[in-house]
């Protein structure tokens, strides 16, 4: 995934998911800064690594459980994020 794709996807998250992502990412950055430069995956807690592998194995065993990311999905994601941003702006 490219940085532009990541930005587009994050911008279209529903408000609750956007908030959860922001909290997770802030914590991740704090941890990464505290630990200094690291190899890929080195700062990922063991339980999180196990969960990632569990989910990957589930998708490999039954690909039908995966949510396809198509143009319609991305359109809904963008619309939801725009709506969440509007609510944040009016609440501030």
PDB file of N, CA and C in Angstrom:
ATOM      1  N   UNK A   1       0.849  -1.172   0.000  1.00  0.00           N
ATOM      2  CA  UNK A   1       0.000   0.000   0.000  1.00  0.00           C
ATOM      3  C   UNK A   1       0.896   1.237   0.000  1.00  0.00           C
ATOM      4  N   UNK A   2       0.579   2.180  -0.855  1.00  0.00           N
ATOM      5  CA  UNK A   2       1.365   3.403  -0.920  1.00  0.00           C
ATOM      6  C   UNK A   2       0.889   4.388   0.148  1.00  0.00           C
ATOM      7  N   UNK A   3       1.687   5.417   0.372  1.00  0.00           N
ATOM      8  CA  UNK A   3       1.304   6.436   1.342  1.00  0.00           C
ATOM      9  C   UNK A   3       0.020   7.123   0.911  1.00  0.00           C
ATOM     10  N   UNK A   4      -0.116   7.410  -0.381  1.00  0.00           N
ATOM     11  CA  UNK A   4      -1.346   8.059  -0.862  1.00  0.00           C
ATOM     12  C   UNK A   4      -2.573   7.172  -0.634  1.00  0.00           C
ATOM     13  N   UNK A   5      -2.426   5.875  -0.876  1.00  0.00           N
ATOM     14  CA  UNK A   5      -3.541   4.953  -0.628  1.00  0.00           C
ATOM     15  C   UNK A   5      -3.895   4.930   0.848  1.00  0.00           C
ATOM     16  N   UNK A   6      -2.883   4.902   1.700  1.00  0.00           N
ATOM     17  CA  UNK A   6      -3.124   4.922   3.137  1.00  0.00           C
ATOM     18  C   UNK A   6      -3.838   6.207   3.549  1.00  0.00           C
ATOM     19  N   UNK A   7      -3.376   7.333   3.044  1.00  0.00           N
ATOM     20  CA  UNK A   7      -4.020   8.605   3.367  1.00  0.00           C
ATOM     21  C   UNK A   7      -5.475   8.613   2.931  1.00  0.00           C
ATOM     22  N   UNK A   8      -5.732   8.145   1.708  1.00  0.00           N
ATOM     23  CA  UNK A   8      -7.120   8.114   1.221  1.00  0.00           C
ATOM     24  C   UNK A   8      -7.990   7.224   2.099  1.00  0.00           C
ATOM     25  N   UNK A   9      -7.466   6.069   2.481  1.00  0.00           N
ATOM     26  CA  UNK A   9      -8.247   5.144   3.301  1.00  0.00           C
ATOM     27  C   UNK A   9      -8.513   5.706   4.688  1.00  0.00           C
ATOM     28  N   UNK A  10      -7.522   6.317   5.291  1.00  0.00           N
ATOM     29  CA  UNK A  10      -7.707   6.892   6.626  1.00  0.00           C
ATOM     30  C   UNK A  10      -8.705   8.037   6.575  1.00  0.00           C
ATOM     31  N   UNK A  11      -8.642   8.832   5.532  1.00  0.00           N
ATOM     32  CA  UNK A  11      -9.545   9.980   5.412  1.00  0.00           C
ATOM     33  C   UNK A  11     -11.006   9.579   5.255  1.00  0.00           C
ATOM     34  N   UNK A  12     -11.241   8.345   4.906  1.00  0.00           N
ATOM     35  CA  UNK A  12     -12.622   7.926   4.675  1.00  0.00           C
ATOM     36  C   UNK A  12     -13.164   7.023   5.781  1.00  0.00           C
ATOM     37  N   UNK A  13     -12.440   6.875   6.859  1.00  0.00           N
ATOM     38  CA  UNK A  13     -12.907   6.037   7.968  1.00  0.00           C
ATOM     39  C   UNK A  13     -14.118   6.656   8.650  1.00  0.00           C
ATOM     40  N   UNK A  14     -15.054   5.831   9.112  1.00  0.00           N
ATOM     41  CA  UNK A  14     -16.159   6.344   9.928  1.00  0.00           C
ATOM     42  C   UNK A  14     -15.597   6.970  11.207  1.00  0.00           C
ATOM     43  N   UNK A  15     -16.342   7.868  11.801  1.00  0.00           N
ATOM     44  CA  UNK A  15     -15.862   8.644  12.939  1.00  0.00           C
ATOM     45  C   UNK A  15     -15.291   7.784  14.069  1.00  0.00           C
ATOM     46  N   UNK A  16     -16.005   6.731  14.472  1.00  0.00           N
ATOM     47  CA  UNK A  16     -15.518   5.889  15.576  1.00  0.00           C
ATOM     48  C   UNK A  16     -14.218   5.192  15.209  1.00  0.00           C
ATOM     49  N   UNK A  17     -14.148   4.658  13.998  1.00  0.00           N
ATOM     50  CA  UNK A  17     -12.929   3.978  13.567  1.00  0.00           C
ATOM     51  C   UNK A  17     -11.779   4.965  13.404  1.00  0.00           C
ATOM     52  N   UNK A  18     -12.077   6.161  12.931  1.00  0.00           N
ATOM     53  CA  UNK A  18     -11.054   7.190  12.789  1.00  0.00           C
ATOM     54  C   UNK A  18     -10.480   7.549  14.159  1.00  0.00           C
ATOM     55  N   UNK A  19     -11.339   7.688  15.138  1.00  0.00           N
ATOM     56  CA  UNK A  19     -10.892   8.005  16.498  1.00  0.00           C
ATOM     57  C   UNK A  19     -10.041   6.870  17.060  1.00  0.00           C
ATOM     58  N   UNK A  20     -10.492   5.631  16.893  1.00  0.00           N
ATOM     59  CA  UNK A  20      -9.720   4.480  17.376  1.00  0.00           C
ATOM     60  C   UNK A  20      -8.372   4.388  16.675  1.00  0.00           C
ATOM     61  N   UNK A  21      -8.358   4.622  15.368  1.00  0.00           N
ATOM     62  CA  UNK A  21      -7.099   4.589  14.632  1.00  0.00           C
ATOM     63  C   UNK A  21      -6.157   5.677  15.153  1.00  0.00           C
ATOM     64  N   UNK A  22      -6.695   6.871  15.360  1.00  0.00           N
ATOM     65  CA  UNK A  22      -5.868   7.973  15.865  1.00  0.00           C
ATOM     66  C   UNK A  22      -5.267   7.661  17.226  1.00  0.00           C
ATOM     67  N   UNK A  23      -6.048   7.085  18.110  1.00  0.00           N
ATOM     68  CA  UNK A  23      -5.538   6.719  19.431  1.00  0.00           C
ATOM     69  C   UNK A  23      -4.462   5.651  19.320  1.00  0.00           C
ATOM     70  N   UNK A  24      -4.713   4.644  18.492  1.00  0.00           N
ATOM     71  CA  UNK A  24      -3.710   3.597  18.309  1.00  0.00           C
ATOM     72  C   UNK A  24      -2.431   4.177  17.728  1.00  0.00           C
ATOM     73  N   UNK A  25      -2.556   5.012  16.704  1.00  0.00           N
ATOM     74  CA  UNK A  25      -1.379   5.538  16.035  1.00  0.00           C
ATOM     75  C   UNK A  25      -0.574   6.447  16.967  1.00  0.00           C
ATOM     76  N   UNK A  26      -1.261   7.265  17.764  1.00  0.00           N
ATOM     77  CA  UNK A  26      -0.554   8.115  18.737  1.00  0.00           C
ATOM     78  C   UNK A  26       0.247   7.257  19.706  1.00  0.00           C
ATOM     79  N   UNK A  27      -0.349   6.189  20.212  1.00  0.00           N
ATOM     80  CA  UNK A  27       0.358   5.283  21.115  1.00  0.00           C
ATOM     81  C   UNK A  27       1.524   4.602  20.438  1.00  0.00           C
ATOM     82  N   UNK A  28       1.315   4.204  19.198  1.00  0.00           N
ATOM     83  CA  UNK A  28       2.383   3.560  18.437  1.00  0.00           C
ATOM     84  C   UNK A  28       3.565   4.517  18.253  1.00  0.00           C
ATOM     85  N   UNK A  29       3.275   5.769  17.909  1.00  0.00           N
ATOM     86  CA  UNK A  29       4.359   6.748  17.715  1.00  0.00           C
ATOM     87  C   UNK A  29       5.095   7.011  19.022  1.00  0.00           C
ATOM     88  N   UNK A  30       4.370   7.123  20.125  1.00  0.00           N
ATOM     89  CA  UNK A  30       5.037   7.335  21.426  1.00  0.00           C
ATOM     90  C   UNK A  30       5.974   6.170  21.739  1.00  0.00           C
ATOM     91  N   UNK A  31       5.481   4.964  21.517  1.00  0.00           N
ATOM     92  CA  UNK A  31       6.284   3.770  21.793  1.00  0.00           C
ATOM     93  C   UNK A  31       7.493   3.721  20.868  1.00  0.00           C
ATOM     94  N   UNK A  32       7.295   4.029  19.595  1.00  0.00           N
ATOM     95  CA  UNK A  32       8.395   3.989  18.629  1.00  0.00           C
ATOM     96  C   UNK A  32       9.460   5.016  18.983  1.00  0.00           C
ATOM     97  N   UNK A  33       9.036   6.196  19.397  1.00  0.00           N
ATOM     98  CA  UNK A  33      10.007   7.234  19.786  1.00  0.00           C
ATOM     99  C   UNK A  33      10.774   6.811  21.032  1.00  0.00           C
ATOM    100  N   UNK A  34      10.079   6.217  21.973  1.00  0.00           N
ATOM    101  CA  UNK A  34      10.722   5.802  23.223  1.00  0.00           C
ATOM    102  C   UNK A  34      11.744   4.699  22.976  1.00  0.00           C
ATOM    103  N   UNK A  35      11.465   3.834  22.021  1.00  0.00           N
ATOM    104  CA  UNK A  35      12.349   2.707  21.747  1.00  0.00           C
ATOM    105  C   UNK A  35      13.430   3.019  20.732  1.00  0.00           C
ATOM    106  N   UNK A  36      13.336   4.178  20.074  1.00  0.00           N
ATOM    107  CA  UNK A  36      14.327   4.537  19.067  1.00  0.00           C
ATOM    108  C   UNK A  36      14.121   3.753  17.787  1.00  0.00           C
ATOM    109  N   UNK A  37      15.031   3.926  16.831  1.00  0.00           N
ATOM    110  CA  UNK A  37      14.898   3.211  15.558  1.00  0.00           C
ATOM    111  C   UNK A  37      14.860   1.701  15.782  1.00  0.00           C
ATOM    112  N   UNK A  38      14.022   1.040  15.006  1.00  0.00           N
ATOM    113  CA  UNK A  38      13.864  -0.404  15.187  1.00  0.00           C
ATOM    114  C   UNK A  38      13.694  -1.087  13.841  1.00  0.00           C
ATOM    115  N   UNK A  39      13.913  -2.375  13.841  1.00  0.00           N
ATOM    116  CA  UNK A  39      13.650  -3.181  12.656  1.00  0.00           C
ATOM    117  C   UNK A  39      12.141  -3.371  12.538  1.00  0.00           C
ATOM    118  N   UNK A  40      11.688  -3.661  11.350  1.00  0.00           N
ATOM    119  CA  UNK A  40      10.273  -3.860  11.105  1.00  0.00           C
ATOM    120  C   UNK A  40       9.706  -4.940  12.028  1.00  0.00           C
ATOM    121  N   UNK A  41       8.617  -4.619  12.737  1.00  0.00           N
ATOM    122  CA  UNK A  41       7.965  -5.573  13.615  1.00  0.00           C
ATOM    123  C   UNK A  41       8.564  -5.674  15.000  1.00  0.00           C
ATOM    124  N   UNK A  42       9.710  -5.064  15.200  1.00  0.00           N
ATOM    125  CA  UNK A  42      10.392  -5.199  16.484  1.00  0.00           C
ATOM    126  C   UNK A  42       9.609  -4.570  17.628  1.00  0.00           C
ATOM    127  N   UNK A  43       8.888  -3.477  17.347  1.00  0.00           N
ATOM    128  CA  UNK A  43       8.135  -2.792  18.395  1.00  0.00           C
ATOM    129  C   UNK A  43       6.712  -3.323  18.549  1.00  0.00           C
ATOM    130  N   UNK A  44       6.360  -4.315  17.763  1.00  0.00           N
ATOM    131  CA  UNK A  44       5.016  -4.861  17.833  1.00  0.00           C
ATOM    132  C   UNK A  44       4.947  -5.884  18.968  1.00  0.00           C
ATOM    133  N   UNK A  45       4.051  -5.649  19.931  1.00  0.00           N
ATOM    134  CA  UNK A  45       3.933  -6.599  21.048  1.00  0.00           C
ATOM    135  C   UNK A  45       3.620  -8.012  20.552  1.00  0.00           C
ATOM    136  N   UNK A  46       4.055  -8.997  21.287  1.00  0.00           N
ATOM    137  CA  UNK A  46       3.871 -10.402  20.902  1.00  0.00           C
ATOM    138  C   UNK A  46       2.408 -10.731  20.673  1.00  0.00           C
ATOM    139  N   UNK A  47       1.529 -10.265  21.552  1.00  0.00           N
ATOM    140  CA  UNK A  47       0.101 -10.571  21.410  1.00  0.00           C
ATOM    141  C   UNK A  47      -0.443  -9.987  20.100  1.00  0.00           C
ATOM    142  N   UNK A  48       0.019  -8.797  19.737  1.00  0.00           N
ATOM    143  CA  UNK A  48      -0.439  -8.177  18.495  1.00  0.00           C
ATOM    144  C   UNK A  48       0.089  -8.949  17.282  1.00  0.00           C
ATOM    145  N   UNK A  49       1.332  -9.375  17.330  1.00  0.00           N
ATOM    146  CA  UNK A  49       1.889 -10.171  16.240  1.00  0.00           C
ATOM    147  C   UNK A  49       1.096 -11.472  16.074  1.00  0.00           C
ATOM    148  N   UNK A  50       0.761 -12.110  17.194  1.00  0.00           N
ATOM    149  CA  UNK A  50      -0.012 -13.346  17.140  1.00  0.00           C
ATOM    150  C   UNK A  50      -1.396 -13.108  16.545  1.00  0.00           C
ATOM    151  N   UNK A  51      -2.021 -11.985  16.894  1.00  0.00           N
ATOM    152  CA  UNK A  51      -3.343 -11.659  16.356  1.00  0.00           C
ATOM    153  C   UNK A  51      -3.260 -11.418  14.848  1.00  0.00           C
ATOM    154  N   UNK A  52      -2.244 -10.725  14.406  1.00  0.00           N
ATOM    155  CA  UNK A  52      -2.061 -10.483  12.971  1.00  0.00           C
ATOM    156  C   UNK A  52      -1.910 -11.810  12.233  1.00  0.00           C
ATOM    157  N   UNK A  53      -1.091 -12.681  12.771  1.00  0.00           N
ATOM    158  CA  UNK A  53      -0.883 -13.988  12.137  1.00  0.00           C
ATOM    159  C   UNK A  53      -2.162 -14.830  12.154  1.00  0.00           C
ATOM    160  N   UNK A  54      -2.917 -14.758  13.250  1.00  0.00           N
ATOM    161  CA  UNK A  54      -4.178 -15.495  13.349  1.00  0.00           C
ATOM    162  C   UNK A  54      -5.150 -15.024  12.275  1.00  0.00           C
ATOM    163  N   UNK A  55      -5.251 -13.707  12.122  1.00  0.00           N
ATOM    164  CA  UNK A  55      -6.161 -13.169  11.104  1.00  0.00           C
ATOM    165  C   UNK A  55      -5.692 -13.540   9.698  1.00  0.00           C
ATOM    166  N   UNK A  56      -4.382 -13.452   9.470  1.00  0.00           N
ATOM    167  CA  UNK A  56      -3.851 -13.829   8.156  1.00  0.00           C
ATOM    168  C   UNK A  56      -4.185 -15.282   7.847  1.00  0.00           C
ATOM    169  N   UNK A  57      -3.966 -16.143   8.821  1.00  0.00           N
ATOM    170  CA  UNK A  57      -4.259 -17.563   8.619  1.00  0.00           C
ATOM    171  C   UNK A  57      -5.745 -17.788   8.342  1.00  0.00           C
ATOM    172  N   UNK A  58      -6.597 -17.024   9.009  1.00  0.00           N
ATOM    173  CA  UNK A  58      -8.034 -17.129   8.761  1.00  0.00           C
ATOM    174  C   UNK A  58      -8.394 -16.735   7.347  1.00  0.00           C
ATOM    175  N   UNK A  59      -7.808 -15.649   6.867  1.00  0.00           N
ATOM    176  CA  UNK A  59      -8.061 -15.215   5.494  1.00  0.00           C
ATOM    177  C   UNK A  59      -7.528 -16.217   4.483  1.00  0.00           C
ATOM    178  N   UNK A  60      -6.368 -16.792   4.764  1.00  0.00           N
ATOM    179  CA  UNK A  60      -5.804 -17.773   3.835  1.00  0.00           C
ATOM    180  C   UNK A  60      -6.650 -19.046   3.799  1.00  0.00           C
ATOM    181  N   UNK A  61      -7.198 -19.420   4.946  1.00  0.00           N
ATOM    182  CA  UNK A  61      -8.025 -20.624   5.012  1.00  0.00           C
ATOM    183  C   UNK A  61      -9.386 -20.407   4.344  1.00  0.00           C
ATOM    184  N   UNK A  62      -9.929 -19.192   4.444  1.00  0.00           N
ATOM    185  CA  UNK A  62     -11.248 -18.902   3.873  1.00  0.00           C
ATOM    186  C   UNK A  62     -11.258 -17.476   3.335  1.00  0.00           C
ATOM    187  N   UNK A  63     -10.782 -17.273   2.117  1.00  0.00           N
ATOM    188  CA  UNK A  63     -10.703 -15.922   1.552  1.00  0.00           C
ATOM    189  C   UNK A  63     -12.046 -15.202   1.456  1.00  0.00           C
ATOM    190  N   UNK A  64     -13.139 -15.935   1.535  1.00  0.00           N
ATOM    191  CA  UNK A  64     -14.452 -15.286   1.421  1.00  0.00           C
ATOM    192  C   UNK A  64     -14.757 -14.389   2.622  1.00  0.00           C
ATOM    193  N   UNK A  65     -14.020 -14.528   3.723  1.00  0.00           N
ATOM    194  CA  UNK A  65     -14.282 -13.671   4.888  1.00  0.00           C
ATOM    195  C   UNK A  65     -13.662 -12.284   4.737  1.00  0.00           C
ATOM    196  N   UNK A  66     -12.803 -12.104   3.749  1.00  0.00           N
ATOM    197  CA  UNK A  66     -12.157 -10.813   3.534  1.00  0.00           C
ATOM    198  C   UNK A  66     -13.160  -9.807   2.970  1.00  0.00           C
ATOM    199  N   UNK A  67     -13.026  -8.567   3.380  1.00  0.00           N
ATOM    200  CA  UNK A  67     -13.853  -7.496   2.840  1.00  0.00           C
ATOM    201  C   UNK A  67     -13.155  -6.925   1.617  1.00  0.00           C
ATOM    202  N   UNK A  68     -13.802  -7.003   0.469  1.00  0.00           N
ATOM    203  CA  UNK A  68     -13.151  -6.458  -0.729  1.00  0.00           C
ATOM    204  C   UNK A  68     -13.065  -4.939  -0.646  1.00  0.00           C
ATOM    205  N   UNK A  69     -11.948  -4.418  -1.046  1.00  0.00           N
ATOM    206  CA  UNK A  69     -11.772  -2.969  -1.074  1.00  0.00           C
ATOM    207  C   UNK A  69     -11.863  -2.552  -2.531  1.00  0.00           C
ATOM    208  N   UNK A  70     -13.057  -2.111  -2.908  1.00  0.00           N
ATOM    209  CA  UNK A  70     -13.290  -1.686  -4.274  1.00  0.00           C
ATOM    210  C   UNK A  70     -13.661  -0.205  -4.277  1.00  0.00           C
ATOM    211  N   UNK A  71     -13.988   0.312  -5.429  1.00  0.00           N
ATOM    212  CA  UNK A  71     -14.306   1.738  -5.550  1.00  0.00           C
ATOM    213  C   UNK A  71     -15.488   2.128  -4.669  1.00  0.00           C
ATOM    214  N   UNK A  72     -16.498   1.279  -4.581  1.00  0.00           N
ATOM    215  CA  UNK A  72     -17.675   1.593  -3.754  1.00  0.00           C
ATOM    216  C   UNK A  72     -17.305   1.648  -2.282  1.00  0.00           C
ATOM    217  N   UNK A  73     -16.464   0.724  -1.837  1.00  0.00           N
ATOM    218  CA  UNK A  73     -16.014   0.721  -0.438  1.00  0.00           C
ATOM    219  C   UNK A  73     -15.261   2.006  -0.128  1.00  0.00           C
ATOM    220  N   UNK A  74     -14.340   2.379  -1.007  1.00  0.00           N
ATOM    221  CA  UNK A  74     -13.544   3.586  -0.778  1.00  0.00           C
ATOM    222  C   UNK A  74     -14.417   4.835  -0.814  1.00  0.00           C
ATOM    223  N   UNK A  75     -15.421   4.852  -1.668  1.00  0.00           N
ATOM    224  CA  UNK A  75     -16.338   5.991  -1.731  1.00  0.00           C
ATOM    225  C   UNK A  75     -17.088   6.146  -0.414  1.00  0.00           C
ATOM    226  N   UNK A  76     -17.592   5.030   0.126  1.00  0.00           N
ATOM    227  CA  UNK A  76     -18.288   5.076   1.424  1.00  0.00           C
ATOM    228  C   UNK A  76     -17.340   5.530   2.524  1.00  0.00           C
ATOM    229  N   UNK A  77     -16.103   5.026   2.482  1.00  0.00           N
ATOM    230  CA  UNK A  77     -15.109   5.385   3.483  1.00  0.00           C
ATOM    231  C   UNK A  77     -14.834   6.888   3.453  1.00  0.00           C
ATOM    232  N   UNK A  78     -14.659   7.448   2.255  1.00  0.00           N
ATOM    233  CA  UNK A  78     -14.410   8.893   2.117  1.00  0.00           C
ATOM    234  C   UNK A  78     -15.599   9.703   2.615  1.00  0.00           C
ATOM    235  N   UNK A  79     -16.801   9.272   2.246  1.00  0.00           N
ATOM    236  CA  UNK A  79     -18.003   9.990   2.648  1.00  0.00           C
ATOM    237  C   UNK A  79     -18.135   9.993   4.176  1.00  0.00           C
ATOM    238  N   UNK A  80     -17.886   8.858   4.794  1.00  0.00           N
ATOM    239  CA  UNK A  80     -17.998   8.768   6.248  1.00  0.00           C
ATOM    240  C   UNK A  80     -16.968   9.645   6.947  1.00  0.00           C
ATOM    241  N   UNK A  81     -15.765   9.692   6.423  1.00  0.00           N
ATOM    242  CA  UNK A  81     -14.744  10.536   7.025  1.00  0.00           C
ATOM    243  C   UNK A  81     -15.095  12.011   6.874  1.00  0.00           C
ATOM    244  N   UNK A  82     -15.571  12.394   5.700  1.00  0.00           N
ATOM    245  CA  UNK A  82     -15.973  13.782   5.489  1.00  0.00           C
ATOM    246  C   UNK A  82     -17.081  14.157   6.469  1.00  0.00           C
ATOM    247  N   UNK A  83     -18.012  13.250   6.673  1.00  0.00           N
ATOM    248  CA  UNK A  83     -19.104  13.488   7.626  1.00  0.00           C
ATOM    249  C   UNK A  83     -18.553  13.630   9.046  1.00  0.00           C
ATOM    250  N   UNK A  84     -17.614  12.769   9.409  1.00  0.00           N
ATOM    251  CA  UNK A  84     -17.014  12.845  10.752  1.00  0.00           C
ATOM    252  C   UNK A  84     -16.256  14.152  10.934  1.00  0.00           C
ATOM    253  N   UNK A  85     -15.542  14.574   9.913  1.00  0.00           N
ATOM    254  CA  UNK A  85     -14.808  15.834  10.015  1.00  0.00           C
ATOM    255  C   UNK A  85     -15.758  17.004  10.177  1.00  0.00           C
ATOM    256  N   UNK A  86     -16.882  16.982   9.477  1.00  0.00           N
ATOM    257  CA  UNK A  86     -17.878  18.038   9.600  1.00  0.00           C
ATOM    258  C   UNK A  86     -18.396  18.102  11.029  1.00  0.00           C
ATOM    259  N   UNK A  87     -18.662  16.929  11.609  1.00  0.00           N
ATOM    260  CA  UNK A  87     -19.149  16.900  13.004  1.00  0.00           C
ATOM    261  C   UNK A  87     -18.104  17.421  13.960  1.00  0.00           C
ATOM    262  N   UNK A  88     -16.826  17.076  13.731  1.00  0.00           N
ATOM    263  CA  UNK A  88     -15.754  17.549  14.611  1.00  0.00           C
ATOM    264  C   UNK A  88     -15.619  19.067  14.519  1.00  0.00           C
ATOM    265  N   UNK A  89     -15.729  19.612  13.321  1.00  0.00           N
ATOM    266  CA  UNK A  89     -15.588  21.042  13.115  1.00  0.00           C
ATOM    267  C   UNK A  89     -16.716  21.797  13.788  1.00  0.00           C
ATOM    268  N   UNK A  90     -17.935  21.303  13.662  1.00  0.00           N
ATOM    269  CA  UNK A  90     -19.078  21.991  14.258  1.00  0.00           C
ATOM    270  C   UNK A  90     -19.102  21.818  15.768  1.00  0.00           C
ATOM    271  N   UNK A  91     -18.512  20.745  16.286  1.00  0.00           N
ATOM    272  CA  UNK A  91     -18.495  20.529  17.738  1.00  0.00           C
ATOM    273  C   UNK A  91     -17.429  21.381  18.422  1.00  0.00           C
ATOM    274  N   UNK A  92     -16.429  21.784  17.691  1.00  0.00           N
ATOM    275  CA  UNK A  92     -15.311  22.538  18.278  1.00  0.00           C
ATOM    276  C   UNK A  92     -15.621  23.973  18.510  1.00  0.00           C
TER     277      UNK A  92
END
